[in-house]
Every structure is written in C-alpha cells, then in structure tokens.
Amino acid sequence: MYVVPLIVNYNNKSYKDVIDIDIDTICDRLKEEIPTTSLPSIDDIMETFEKVISDGYDKAIVITISSGLSGTYNAMRIASESFEGRLETMLIDTKNIDIGAGFSAIRAGELIEQGCSFKEIKEKLDDAIKNTKVYFCVKTLEYLRKGGRIGLVASVVGTALDLKPVMSCNEDGVYYVVSKARGRKKSLKKALSEAIDYSKKYNKYNVAVVNVQAEDEAKEIENSIKKEFPNVENVFIGSISPTLAVHTGPGLIGVGVQKID
C-alpha cells in the first residue's frame, strides 16, 4: 500500500501530511495561523505511480477521499492517464473522508489477500462505499467555515442555544447535518446513537473511533463498543489525519461503521 500525502500550507512553508507535520503541531499553531490545505503535489503523484511500476506491479487500486470535498480524485485520474499501457488503474472515489475512505483501503487489501479478481474487487468496493458511514462532531464550526469545507452545514445556526450538529457525508460526498443536540455531551451521545442505528442493518461490520485531541472522550466510546456494537468484526482507534484536523480543529470525535461480507 502506497500513500500520496496531501499538503498543509502556512504562509512561510508547506508540509506533507503526516510525513512533515502532525496534529499536535497544527492545533498548537491554530491561534497564530489557520493553514490551508491542497492536493498532493504532481511530483509526489507521478513518483508514486512510477514506484508502483518499478516494484513490479501492473495493476493499481487508487482510493481517494471524497471528490465532493477535494480535487484529489481528479488529480489522480488525470495522472493515471499518463501511465496507460504500463499500469491498469482502478480509481475509487469513496465519497467519504478520513477513516471513511480508509475503510475502503483496508477492505481493498483484504480482498487482494483473498485472491479476488480486479473486477470482483471493484464490485465489492463499490458495495462497501455505499455501506460505510462516519458520524462526527466538532467543538466549533469555525474551522470548517474558514476552510471552505462547510458544505450543507452552513444553514446550522445554534450558537446561542449551544446546538451542536452531528455531521456525515451524503451520497455526493459533501458534509451535511444528520441531527442536532444541545451541548457537547449530548451531541457525542447522539453521534454514537446514529452509528449504532446504522450498524443494525448489517450482520457484520467494522467500527472506527477517531479524534483530534479528544482522547478521553474517544476512550469512553471505545469502552462501550463491545456492548453497543455486538456484531463488530474489527475496531480501529486513532487520530484523524493532520490535513483534516486543519478543517475541524481540536475536539473532533468521529464514529464510523463499515459493512463487511
């Protein structure tokens, strides 16, 4: 599995996601400067494709975050055309973000290990994408607004009432409000409840809990997983990518569910 990093841009310097910068650094600097983010560099994309070929592969599955939130999918599509005849490429737009997209990468790896054909992998990944959902809460919408990633959440007004939206990605891969709750604790409880209800559609599924500098709250959810998600197959725990943290700020909690066969 190869990773092409997105870019975090400050006024005086740019950093490759995960490689050159981490979440704590971004959050610590938010009061001084809110950075921007951008697509992977074309050099990184082209070098990665070349590395795949030089490592002896003639097929590649390219899995990206939502095209509704980033131009990464389109950039990878255009770059892949330069390798026609040398590399057969399957492009997958997950219509999701962070672990929602990561779920598909994990699933692709499992399908390869199972010996599935290229065609079977495409069919199963398309099905997985339709049956993957991440519910998340942020402490403030400030960073989503300033980063231009507010999507369909822009109509939420609730500062005076302390209304907190539970968000997800819709079928077009754009943020939207699933539900609202008053206050932080109730919004986290609501996000967990939404994820539990979603999981009930499936006999088996994976669950993920991610956060940005909200480890204690994430741990509480993690401790309830076995009870609340009785048919869970795998549990993934961790932080989101630094690039996404730019748009959420500290305090994000996300709970994801992915149907598996």
C-alpha atoms as a PDB file:
ATOM      1  CA  MET A   1       0.000   0.000   0.000  1.00  0.00           C
ATOM      2  CA  TYR A   2       1.374   3.377  -1.057  1.00  0.00           C
ATOM      3  CA  VAL A   3       0.295   6.748   0.351  1.00  0.00           C
ATOM      4  CA  VAL A   4       0.360  10.057  -1.508  1.00  0.00           C
ATOM      5  CA  PRO A   5       0.202  12.871   1.084  1.00  0.00           C
ATOM      6  CA  LEU A   6      -1.922  15.987   0.874  1.00  0.00           C
ATOM      7  CA  ILE A   7      -0.266  19.307   1.694  1.00  0.00           C
ATOM      8  CA  VAL A   8      -0.668  21.668   4.666  1.00  0.00           C
ATOM      9  CA  ASN A   9       0.246  25.253   3.730  1.00  0.00           C
ATOM     10  CA  TYR A  10       1.378  28.012   6.085  1.00  0.00           C
ATOM     11  CA  ASN A  11       2.383  31.484   4.938  1.00  0.00           C
ATOM     12  CA  ASN A  12       6.075  30.658   5.064  1.00  0.00           C
ATOM     13  CA  LYS A  13       6.203  26.906   4.446  1.00  0.00           C
ATOM     14  CA  SER A  14       4.299  23.844   3.203  1.00  0.00           C
ATOM     15  CA  TYR A  15       4.304  20.419   4.816  1.00  0.00           C
ATOM     16  CA  LYS A  16       3.413  16.925   3.643  1.00  0.00           C
ATOM     17  CA  ASP A  17       0.573  15.398   5.624  1.00  0.00           C
ATOM     18  CA  VAL A  18       1.791  13.007   8.367  1.00  0.00           C
ATOM     19  CA  ILE A  19       5.322  12.974   6.931  1.00  0.00           C
ATOM     20  CA  ASP A  20       6.350  16.531   7.874  1.00  0.00           C
ATOM     21  CA  ILE A  21       3.651  17.626  10.313  1.00  0.00           C
ATOM     22  CA  ASP A  22       1.373  16.159  12.971  1.00  0.00           C
ATOM     23  CA  ILE A  23      -1.951  17.017  14.592  1.00  0.00           C
ATOM     24  CA  ASP A  24      -0.484  18.497  17.777  1.00  0.00           C
ATOM     25  CA  THR A  25       1.669  20.921  15.795  1.00  0.00           C
ATOM     26  CA  ILE A  26      -1.328  22.068  13.754  1.00  0.00           C
ATOM     27  CA  CYS A  27      -3.595  22.510  16.783  1.00  0.00           C
ATOM     28  CA  ASP A  28      -0.893  24.346  18.745  1.00  0.00           C
ATOM     29  CA  ARG A  29      -0.473  26.840  15.905  1.00  0.00           C
ATOM     30  CA  LEU A  30      -4.171  27.474  15.174  1.00  0.00           C
ATOM     31  CA  LYS A  31      -4.277  30.591  17.367  1.00  0.00           C
ATOM     32  CA  GLU A  32      -1.401  32.082  15.384  1.00  0.00           C
ATOM     33  CA  GLU A  33      -2.424  30.952  11.907  1.00  0.00           C
ATOM     34  CA  ILE A  34      -5.036  28.716  10.345  1.00  0.00           C
ATOM     35  CA  PRO A  35      -3.259  27.000   7.453  1.00  0.00           C
ATOM     36  CA  THR A  36      -4.795  25.967   4.165  1.00  0.00           C
ATOM     37  CA  THR A  37      -4.643  22.538   2.574  1.00  0.00           C
ATOM     38  CA  SER A  38      -4.033  21.483  -1.005  1.00  0.00           C
ATOM     39  CA  LEU A  39      -3.826  18.478  -3.266  1.00  0.00           C
ATOM     40  CA  PRO A  40      -0.823  16.181  -3.324  1.00  0.00           C
ATOM     41  CA  SER A  41       1.947  17.629  -5.468  1.00  0.00           C
ATOM     42  CA  ILE A  42       2.040  16.356  -9.036  1.00  0.00           C
ATOM     43  CA  ASP A  43       5.636  15.234  -8.423  1.00  0.00           C
ATOM     44  CA  ASP A  44       4.549  13.055  -5.486  1.00  0.00           C
ATOM     45  CA  ILE A  45       1.704  11.563  -7.532  1.00  0.00           C
ATOM     46  CA  MET A  46       3.875  10.769 -10.545  1.00  0.00           C
ATOM     47  CA  GLU A  47       6.718   9.408  -8.399  1.00  0.00           C
ATOM     48  CA  THR A  48       4.290   7.109  -6.591  1.00  0.00           C
ATOM     49  CA  PHE A  49       2.927   5.681  -9.841  1.00  0.00           C
ATOM     50  CA  GLU A  50       6.487   5.139 -11.064  1.00  0.00           C
ATOM     51  CA  LYS A  51       7.373   3.418  -7.785  1.00  0.00           C
ATOM     52  CA  VAL A  52       4.393   1.075  -8.133  1.00  0.00           C
ATOM     53  CA  ILE A  53       5.555   0.069 -11.597  1.00  0.00           C
ATOM     54  CA  SER A  54       9.223  -0.280 -10.598  1.00  0.00           C
ATOM     55  CA  ASP A  55       8.154  -2.527  -7.726  1.00  0.00           C
ATOM     56  CA  GLY A  56       6.761  -4.927 -10.315  1.00  0.00           C
ATOM     57  CA  TYR A  57       3.028  -4.222 -10.273  1.00  0.00           C
ATOM     58  CA  ASP A  58       0.875  -3.876 -13.388  1.00  0.00           C
ATOM     59  CA  LYS A  59      -2.410  -3.068 -11.639  1.00  0.00           C
ATOM     60  CA  ALA A  60      -3.203  -0.395  -9.060  1.00  0.00           C
ATOM     61  CA  ILE A  61      -6.260   0.481  -6.984  1.00  0.00           C
ATOM     62  CA  VAL A  62      -6.333   4.218  -6.271  1.00  0.00           C
ATOM     63  CA  ILE A  63      -8.555   5.122  -3.327  1.00  0.00           C
ATOM     64  CA  THR A  64      -9.192   8.787  -2.525  1.00  0.00           C
ATOM     65  CA  ILE A  65     -11.163  10.966  -0.167  1.00  0.00           C
ATOM     66  CA  SER A  66     -14.417  12.406  -1.475  1.00  0.00           C
ATOM     67  CA  SER A  67     -14.334  14.265  -4.780  1.00  0.00           C
ATOM     68  CA  GLY A  68     -17.055  16.433  -3.236  1.00  0.00           C
ATOM     69  CA  LEU A  69     -14.538  17.785  -0.726  1.00  0.00           C
ATOM     70  CA  SER A  70     -11.220  17.596  -2.547  1.00  0.00           C
ATOM     71  CA  GLY A  71      -9.781  17.610  -6.058  1.00  0.00           C
ATOM     72  CA  THR A  72      -7.508  14.686  -5.176  1.00  0.00           C
ATOM     73  CA  TYR A  73      -9.589  12.135  -7.097  1.00  0.00           C
ATOM     74  CA  ASN A  74      -9.472  14.218 -10.260  1.00  0.00           C
ATOM     75  CA  ALA A  75      -5.726  14.799  -9.896  1.00  0.00           C
ATOM     76  CA  MET A  76      -5.100  11.070  -9.541  1.00  0.00           C
ATOM     77  CA  ARG A  77      -7.354  10.341 -12.523  1.00  0.00           C
ATOM     78  CA  ILE A  78      -5.500  12.764 -14.770  1.00  0.00           C
ATOM     79  CA  ALA A  79      -2.103  11.487 -13.627  1.00  0.00           C
ATOM     80  CA  SER A  80      -3.104   7.853 -14.147  1.00  0.00           C
ATOM     81  CA  GLU A  81      -3.797   8.562 -17.823  1.00  0.00           C
ATOM     82  CA  SER A  82      -0.064   9.134 -18.316  1.00  0.00           C
ATOM     83  CA  PHE A  83       0.575   5.526 -17.373  1.00  0.00           C
ATOM     84  CA  GLU A  84      -1.907   3.848 -19.712  1.00  0.00           C
ATOM     85  CA  GLY A  85      -0.345   0.740 -21.217  1.00  0.00           C
ATOM     86  CA  ARG A  86       2.061   0.430 -18.285  1.00  0.00           C
ATOM     87  CA  LEU A  87      -0.363   0.302 -15.361  1.00  0.00           C
ATOM     88  CA  GLU A  88      -4.021  -0.709 -15.237  1.00  0.00           C
ATOM     89  CA  THR A  89      -5.639   1.621 -12.741  1.00  0.00           C
ATOM     90  CA  MET A  90      -8.881   1.292 -10.785  1.00  0.00           C
ATOM     91  CA  LEU A  91      -9.974   4.684  -9.444  1.00  0.00           C
ATOM     92  CA  ILE A  92     -12.199   4.658  -6.360  1.00  0.00           C
ATOM     93  CA  ASP A  93     -13.974   7.802  -5.152  1.00  0.00           C
ATOM     94  CA  THR A  94     -15.047   6.891  -1.623  1.00  0.00           C
ATOM     95  CA  LYS A  95     -17.424   9.858  -1.262  1.00  0.00           C
ATOM     96  CA  ASN A  96     -16.132   9.936   2.293  1.00  0.00           C
ATOM     97  CA  ILE A  97     -13.412  11.424   4.465  1.00  0.00           C
ATOM     98  CA  ASP A  98     -10.546  10.163   6.622  1.00  0.00           C
ATOM     99  CA  ILE A  99     -11.393   6.753   8.173  1.00  0.00           C
ATOM    100  CA  GLY A 100     -14.473   6.585   5.926  1.00  0.00           C
ATOM    101  CA  ALA A 101     -12.041   6.472   2.992  1.00  0.00           C
ATOM    102  CA  GLY A 102      -9.513   4.465   4.985  1.00  0.00           C
ATOM    103  CA  PHE A 103     -12.077   1.711   5.487  1.00  0.00           C
ATOM    104  CA  SER A 104     -12.083   1.191   1.701  1.00  0.00           C
ATOM    105  CA  ALA A 105      -8.288   0.974   1.557  1.00  0.00           C
ATOM    106  CA  ILE A 106      -8.307  -1.637   4.328  1.00  0.00           C
ATOM    107  CA  ARG A 107     -11.051  -3.546   2.543  1.00  0.00           C
ATOM    108  CA  ALA A 108      -9.128  -3.490  -0.740  1.00  0.00           C
ATOM    109  CA  GLY A 109      -6.125  -5.025   0.997  1.00  0.00           C
ATOM    110  CA  GLU A 110      -8.297  -7.791   2.442  1.00  0.00           C
ATOM    111  CA  LEU A 111      -9.831  -8.559  -0.948  1.00  0.00           C
ATOM    112  CA  ILE A 112      -6.409  -8.786  -2.569  1.00  0.00           C
ATOM    113  CA  GLU A 113      -5.284 -11.219   0.143  1.00  0.00           C
ATOM    114  CA  GLN A 114      -8.416 -13.291  -0.522  1.00  0.00           C
ATOM    115  CA  GLY A 115      -7.396 -13.624  -4.183  1.00  0.00           C
ATOM    116  CA  CYS A 116     -10.336 -11.700  -5.630  1.00  0.00           C
ATOM    117  CA  SER A 117     -10.118 -10.643  -9.255  1.00  0.00           C
ATOM    118  CA  PHE A 118      -9.771  -6.992 -10.266  1.00  0.00           C
ATOM    119  CA  LYS A 119     -13.446  -6.995 -11.316  1.00  0.00           C
ATOM    120  CA  GLU A 120     -14.602  -8.585  -8.046  1.00  0.00           C
ATOM    121  CA  ILE A 121     -12.615  -6.051  -6.022  1.00  0.00           C
ATOM    122  CA  LYS A 122     -14.290  -3.176  -7.885  1.00  0.00           C
ATOM    123  CA  GLU A 123     -17.765  -4.612  -7.255  1.00  0.00           C
ATOM    124  CA  LYS A 124     -17.085  -5.258  -3.577  1.00  0.00           C
ATOM    125  CA  LEU A 125     -15.519  -1.848  -3.013  1.00  0.00           C
ATOM    126  CA  ASP A 126     -18.473  -0.122  -4.684  1.00  0.00           C
ATOM    127  CA  ASP A 127     -20.740  -2.019  -2.310  1.00  0.00           C
ATOM    128  CA  ALA A 128     -18.573  -1.150   0.705  1.00  0.00           C
ATOM    129  CA  ILE A 129     -18.639   2.555  -0.174  1.00  0.00           C
ATOM    130  CA  LYS A 130     -22.441   2.529  -0.317  1.00  0.00           C
ATOM    131  CA  ASN A 131     -22.490   0.886   3.100  1.00  0.00           C
ATOM    132  CA  THR A 132     -19.971   2.993   5.004  1.00  0.00           C
ATOM    133  CA  LYS A 133     -20.887   5.917   7.208  1.00  0.00           C
ATOM    134  CA  VAL A 134     -18.954   8.168   9.574  1.00  0.00           C
ATOM    135  CA  TYR A 135     -20.742  10.376  12.100  1.00  0.00           C
ATOM    136  CA  PHE A 136     -18.746  13.169  13.653  1.00  0.00           C
ATOM    137  CA  CYS A 137     -18.979  16.167  15.945  1.00  0.00           C
ATOM    138  CA  VAL A 138     -16.746  19.215  16.253  1.00  0.00           C
ATOM    139  CA  LYS A 139     -16.455  21.677  19.123  1.00  0.00           C
ATOM    140  CA  THR A 140     -16.868  24.595  16.734  1.00  0.00           C
ATOM    141  CA  LEU A 141     -17.779  25.083  13.066  1.00  0.00           C
ATOM    142  CA  GLU A 142     -15.221  27.909  12.822  1.00  0.00           C
ATOM    143  CA  TYR A 143     -12.549  25.867  11.072  1.00  0.00           C
ATOM    144  CA  LEU A 144     -14.923  24.210   8.596  1.00  0.00           C
ATOM    145  CA  ARG A 145     -16.204  27.676   7.661  1.00  0.00           C
ATOM    146  CA  LYS A 146     -12.779  29.250   7.290  1.00  0.00           C
ATOM    147  CA  GLY A 147     -11.517  26.281   5.296  1.00  0.00           C
ATOM    148  CA  GLY A 148     -14.446  26.468   2.894  1.00  0.00           C
ATOM    149  CA  ARG A 149     -15.491  22.879   3.733  1.00  0.00           C
ATOM    150  CA  ILE A 150     -18.779  23.739   5.407  1.00  0.00           C
ATOM    151  CA  GLY A 151     -20.855  22.030   2.680  1.00  0.00           C
ATOM    152  CA  LEU A 152     -24.524  21.688   3.563  1.00  0.00           C
ATOM    153  CA  VAL A 153     -23.825  22.516   7.225  1.00  0.00           C
ATOM    154  CA  ALA A 154     -23.846  26.260   6.531  1.00  0.00           C
ATOM    155  CA  SER A 155     -27.519  26.613   7.455  1.00  0.00           C
ATOM    156  CA  VAL A 156     -26.966  25.402  11.020  1.00  0.00           C
ATOM    157  CA  VAL A 157     -27.394  28.261  13.464  1.00  0.00           C
ATOM    158  CA  GLY A 158     -27.200  27.416  17.118  1.00  0.00           C
ATOM    159  CA  THR A 159     -24.541  29.394  18.945  1.00  0.00           C
ATOM    160  CA  ALA A 160     -26.916  30.934  21.464  1.00  0.00           C
ATOM    161  CA  LEU A 161     -28.651  27.623  22.178  1.00  0.00           C
ATOM    162  CA  ASP A 162     -25.375  25.676  22.094  1.00  0.00           C
ATOM    163  CA  LEU A 163     -26.775  23.423  19.371  1.00  0.00           C
ATOM    164  CA  LYS A 164     -24.133  21.028  18.093  1.00  0.00           C
ATOM    165  CA  PRO A 165     -24.605  19.279  14.745  1.00  0.00           C
ATOM    166  CA  VAL A 166     -23.828  15.620  14.140  1.00  0.00           C
ATOM    167  CA  MET A 167     -22.408  15.520  10.623  1.00  0.00           C
ATOM    168  CA  SER A 168     -21.631  12.981   7.941  1.00  0.00           C
ATOM    169  CA  CYS A 169     -21.048  12.814   4.166  1.00  0.00           C
ATOM    170  CA  ASN A 170     -24.034  12.429   1.853  1.00  0.00           C
ATOM    171  CA  GLU A 171     -24.208  10.394  -1.377  1.00  0.00           C
ATOM    172  CA  ASP A 172     -22.342  13.170  -3.204  1.00  0.00           C
ATOM    173  CA  GLY A 173     -19.571  13.111  -0.602  1.00  0.00           C
ATOM    174  CA  VAL A 174     -20.437  16.515   0.881  1.00  0.00           C
ATOM    175  CA  TYR A 175     -20.839  17.308   4.569  1.00  0.00           C
ATOM    176  CA  TYR A 176     -24.409  17.519   5.805  1.00  0.00           C
ATOM    177  CA  VAL A 177     -26.202  17.600   9.139  1.00  0.00           C
ATOM    178  CA  VAL A 178     -27.623  14.270  10.286  1.00  0.00           C
ATOM    179  CA  SER A 179     -29.058  15.570  13.554  1.00  0.00           C
ATOM    180  CA  LYS A 180     -28.534  18.200  16.247  1.00  0.00           C
ATOM    181  CA  ALA A 181     -28.217  18.113  20.014  1.00  0.00           C
ATOM    182  CA  ARG A 182     -27.801  20.703  22.717  1.00  0.00           C
ATOM    183  CA  GLY A 183     -24.332  20.734  24.228  1.00  0.00           C
ATOM    184  CA  ARG A 184     -21.191  18.699  23.733  1.00  0.00           C
ATOM    185  CA  LYS A 185     -22.087  15.602  25.753  1.00  0.00           C
ATOM    186  CA  LYS A 186     -25.475  15.177  24.127  1.00  0.00           C
ATOM    187  CA  SER A 187     -24.017  15.642  20.645  1.00  0.00           C
ATOM    188  CA  LEU A 188     -21.432  12.909  21.252  1.00  0.00           C
ATOM    189  CA  LYS A 189     -24.139  10.631  22.593  1.00  0.00           C
ATOM    190  CA  LYS A 190     -26.249  11.390  19.521  1.00  0.00           C
ATOM    191  CA  ALA A 191     -23.364  10.625  17.140  1.00  0.00           C
ATOM    192  CA  LEU A 192     -22.839   7.274  18.842  1.00  0.00           C
ATOM    193  CA  SER A 193     -26.570   6.584  18.689  1.00  0.00           C
ATOM    194  CA  GLU A 194     -26.639   7.336  14.939  1.00  0.00           C
ATOM    195  CA  ALA A 195     -23.746   4.935  14.372  1.00  0.00           C
ATOM    196  CA  ILE A 196     -25.415   2.207  16.450  1.00  0.00           C
ATOM    197  CA  ASP A 197     -28.660   2.539  14.489  1.00  0.00           C
ATOM    198  CA  TYR A 198     -26.741   2.396  11.193  1.00  0.00           C
ATOM    199  CA  SER A 199     -24.880  -0.772  12.249  1.00  0.00           C
ATOM    200  CA  LYS A 200     -28.132  -2.617  12.933  1.00  0.00           C
ATOM    201  CA  LYS A 201     -28.669  -3.012   9.179  1.00  0.00           C
ATOM    202  CA  TYR A 202     -25.740  -5.418   8.931  1.00  0.00           C
ATOM    203  CA  ASN A 203     -24.834  -8.866  10.219  1.00  0.00           C
ATOM    204  CA  LYS A 204     -21.139  -7.971  10.442  1.00  0.00           C
ATOM    205  CA  TYR A 205     -19.317  -4.661  10.305  1.00  0.00           C
ATOM    206  CA  ASN A 206     -16.177  -2.775  11.264  1.00  0.00           C
ATOM    207  CA  VAL A 207     -16.211   0.185  13.657  1.00  0.00           C
ATOM    208  CA  ALA A 208     -13.763   3.068  13.988  1.00  0.00           C
ATOM    209  CA  VAL A 209     -13.432   5.802  16.606  1.00  0.00           C
ATOM    210  CA  VAL A 210     -11.231   8.764  15.694  1.00  0.00           C
ATOM    211  CA  ASN A 211     -10.484  12.064  17.386  1.00  0.00           C
ATOM    212  CA  VAL A 212      -8.457  15.272  17.440  1.00  0.00           C
ATOM    213  CA  GLN A 213      -7.025  15.938  20.902  1.00  0.00           C
ATOM    214  CA  ALA A 214     -10.116  14.388  22.493  1.00  0.00           C
ATOM    215  CA  GLU A 215      -8.631  11.108  23.668  1.00  0.00           C
ATOM    216  CA  ASP A 216     -10.631  10.836  26.894  1.00  0.00           C
ATOM    217  CA  GLU A 217     -13.984  11.216  25.147  1.00  0.00           C
ATOM    218  CA  ALA A 218     -12.898   8.809  22.426  1.00  0.00           C
ATOM    219  CA  LYS A 219     -11.860   6.299  25.095  1.00  0.00           C
ATOM    220  CA  GLU A 220     -15.337   6.399  26.651  1.00  0.00           C
ATOM    221  CA  ILE A 221     -16.855   5.491  23.283  1.00  0.00           C
ATOM    222  CA  GLU A 222     -14.223   2.820  22.707  1.00  0.00           C
ATOM    223  CA  ASN A 223     -15.065   1.217  26.055  1.00  0.00           C
ATOM    224  CA  SER A 224     -18.728   0.932  25.035  1.00  0.00           C
ATOM    225  CA  ILE A 225     -18.143  -0.657  21.619  1.00  0.00           C
ATOM    226  CA  LYS A 226     -18.438  -4.329  22.590  1.00  0.00           C
ATOM    227  CA  LYS A 227     -21.765  -3.619  24.283  1.00  0.00           C
ATOM    228  CA  GLU A 228     -23.218  -1.207  21.743  1.00  0.00           C
ATOM    229  CA  PHE A 229     -21.961  -2.966  18.586  1.00  0.00           C
ATOM    230  CA  PRO A 230     -22.452  -6.712  19.265  1.00  0.00           C
ATOM    231  CA  ASN A 231     -21.639  -7.834  15.702  1.00  0.00           C
ATOM    232  CA  VAL A 232     -18.456  -5.804  15.275  1.00  0.00           C
ATOM    233  CA  GLU A 233     -15.657  -7.621  13.457  1.00  0.00           C
ATOM    234  CA  ASN A 234     -12.747  -5.164  13.745  1.00  0.00           C
ATOM    235  CA  VAL A 235     -12.278  -1.977  15.769  1.00  0.00           C
ATOM    236  CA  PHE A 236      -9.986   0.827  14.630  1.00  0.00           C
ATOM    237  CA  ILE A 237      -8.933   3.541  17.077  1.00  0.00           C
ATOM    238  CA  GLY A 238      -6.804   6.608  16.427  1.00  0.00           C
ATOM    239  CA  SER A 239      -6.448  10.210  15.352  1.00  0.00           C
ATOM    240  CA  ILE A 240      -7.551  11.641  12.044  1.00  0.00           C
ATOM    241  CA  SER A 241      -5.022  12.926   9.514  1.00  0.00           C
ATOM    242  CA  PRO A 242      -3.352  16.293  10.182  1.00  0.00           C
ATOM    243  CA  THR A 243      -4.823  17.674   6.946  1.00  0.00           C
ATOM    244  CA  LEU A 244      -8.368  17.046   8.113  1.00  0.00           C
ATOM    245  CA  ALA A 245      -7.552  18.462  11.552  1.00  0.00           C
ATOM    246  CA  VAL A 246      -6.945  21.808   9.812  1.00  0.00           C
ATOM    247  CA  HIS A 247     -10.652  21.875   8.916  1.00  0.00           C
ATOM    248  CA  THR A 248     -12.067  20.527  12.191  1.00  0.00           C
ATOM    249  CA  GLY A 249      -9.815  21.938  14.891  1.00  0.00           C
ATOM    250  CA  PRO A 250      -9.311  20.208  18.246  1.00  0.00           C
ATOM    251  CA  GLY A 251     -12.212  18.334  19.787  1.00  0.00           C
ATOM    252  CA  LEU A 252     -13.417  16.309  16.820  1.00  0.00           C
ATOM    253  CA  ILE A 253     -14.910  12.902  17.577  1.00  0.00           C
ATOM    254  CA  GLY A 254     -15.912  10.548  14.769  1.00  0.00           C
ATOM    255  CA  VAL A 255     -17.586   7.140  14.837  1.00  0.00           C
ATOM    256  CA  GLY A 256     -17.520   5.126  11.642  1.00  0.00           C
ATOM    257  CA  VAL A 257     -19.273   1.917  10.564  1.00  0.00           C
ATOM    258  CA  GLN A 258     -18.466  -0.204   7.510  1.00  0.00           C
ATOM    259  CA  LYS A 259     -20.484  -3.209   6.403  1.00  0.00           C
ATOM    260  CA  ILE A 260     -18.411  -6.298   5.619  1.00  0.00           C
ATOM    261  CA  ASP A 261     -19.443  -9.510   3.879  1.00  0.00           C
END
